Amino acid sequence: MMVFDWVKAAEIIKTFNPYLVEACLENDFFWTGGTIFRSGKIIDDQYTYLASYKAKPQIIVNGEILDCYVMASERPDWDADTKWPEEARKILES
């Protein structure tokens, strides 16, 4: 299973300092996607479903779609319901 890589997402946001960041599963924004970062703030109350056996979790930043996932075996504590784990939050706060 592929799960959204919140650490990679935080590093991308830290590097590019975008206004809006969204996440979704590949080719399925309508059903799985949502805003995860806006105006310098973490958004953790919007629906997203960011884990799949087939569709890659992706991040949309500055209009560019990037694959953004790790295998669940690498992050066994992350799943489709994970939202901004502490490790990723710390990257944005540093």
Protein backbone atom coordinates (compact mmCIF):
# COMPACT_ATOMS: atom_id res chain seq x y z
CA MET A 1 0.00 0.00 0.00
CA MET A 2 1.17 3.52 -0.83
CA VAL A 3 0.52 6.27 1.72
CA PHE A 4 0.92 10.02 1.40
CA ASP A 5 4.41 11.14 2.46
CA TRP A 6 3.73 13.97 4.90
CA VAL A 7 7.44 14.56 5.51
CA LYS A 8 8.16 14.99 1.80
CA ALA A 9 5.13 17.29 1.54
CA ALA A 10 6.44 19.43 4.40
CA GLU A 11 9.87 19.64 2.76
CA ILE A 12 8.31 20.71 -0.55
CA ILE A 13 6.22 23.36 1.19
CA LYS A 14 9.23 24.61 3.15
CA THR A 15 11.26 24.89 -0.06
CA PHE A 16 8.70 26.56 -2.32
CA ASN A 17 6.60 28.50 0.21
CA PRO A 18 3.40 28.18 -1.87
CA TYR A 19 0.10 29.85 -1.08
CA LEU A 20 -2.01 26.73 -1.70
CA VAL A 21 -1.18 23.02 -1.54
CA GLU A 22 -3.57 20.19 -2.29
CA ALA A 23 -3.24 16.42 -2.13
CA CYS A 24 -5.09 13.55 -3.75
CA LEU A 25 -4.79 10.11 -5.25
CA GLU A 26 -3.63 10.03 -8.86
CA ASN A 27 -6.42 10.96 -11.31
CA ASP A 28 -9.05 11.16 -8.55
CA PHE A 29 -9.00 14.63 -7.00
CA PHE A 30 -12.80 14.90 -6.85
CA TRP A 31 -13.25 11.91 -4.53
CA THR A 32 -9.93 11.82 -2.66
CA GLY A 33 -8.42 15.30 -2.74
CA GLY A 34 -8.44 18.40 -0.65
CA THR A 35 -6.43 21.34 0.61
CA ILE A 36 -3.65 20.49 3.08
CA PHE A 37 -1.93 23.90 3.33
CA ARG A 38 -3.05 27.46 2.66
CA SER A 39 -1.70 30.93 3.44
CA GLY A 40 1.17 29.61 5.54
CA LYS A 41 -1.06 27.38 7.66
CA ILE A 42 -1.58 23.66 7.95
CA ILE A 43 -5.08 22.56 6.98
CA ASP A 44 -6.05 19.35 8.74
CA ASP A 45 -9.84 19.51 8.78
CA GLN A 46 -10.58 18.89 5.09
CA TYR A 47 -11.43 15.46 3.76
CA THR A 48 -8.64 13.66 1.96
CA TYR A 49 -8.08 9.97 1.33
CA LEU A 50 -4.40 9.48 0.67
CA ALA A 51 -3.60 5.76 0.63
CA SER A 52 -4.03 3.17 -2.10
CA TYR A 53 -2.77 -0.08 -3.52
CA LYS A 54 -3.08 1.21 -7.10
CA ALA A 55 -3.28 5.03 -7.28
CA LYS A 56 -0.26 7.09 -6.26
CA PRO A 57 -0.78 9.74 -3.60
CA GLN A 58 0.17 13.11 -5.07
CA ILE A 59 0.72 16.69 -4.02
CA ILE A 60 -0.33 19.70 -6.09
CA VAL A 61 1.86 22.72 -5.48
CA ASN A 62 2.06 25.82 -7.66
CA GLY A 63 -0.10 24.01 -10.21
CA GLU A 64 2.39 21.15 -10.52
CA ILE A 65 1.37 17.59 -9.66
CA LEU A 66 4.08 15.55 -7.97
CA ASP A 67 4.06 11.98 -6.70
CA CYS A 68 4.32 12.14 -2.92
CA TYR A 69 4.20 8.78 -1.21
CA VAL A 70 6.04 6.11 0.73
CA MET A 71 5.17 2.48 1.10
CA ALA A 72 3.06 1.75 4.17
CA SER A 73 5.72 -0.73 5.30
CA GLU A 74 8.10 2.24 5.70
CA ARG A 75 5.57 4.19 7.78
CA PRO A 76 3.39 1.56 9.48
CA ASP A 77 1.77 4.18 11.72
CA TRP A 78 0.47 6.17 8.69
CA ASP A 79 -2.69 5.34 6.75
CA ALA A 80 -5.48 7.05 4.78
CA ASP A 81 -6.59 8.92 7.91
CA THR A 82 -3.17 10.34 8.81
CA LYS A 83 -3.06 14.14 8.80
CA TRP A 84 0.09 16.14 9.48
CA PRO A 85 2.04 13.90 11.87
CA GLU A 86 4.29 15.66 14.36
CA GLU A 87 7.46 14.97 12.35
CA ALA A 88 6.05 16.82 9.34
CA ARG A 89 4.70 19.69 11.47
CA LYS A 90 8.15 20.24 12.97
CA ILE A 91 9.65 20.68 9.49
CA LEU A 92 7.21 23.48 8.73
CA GLU A 93 7.81 25.13 12.10
CA SER A 94 11.61 25.13 11.77
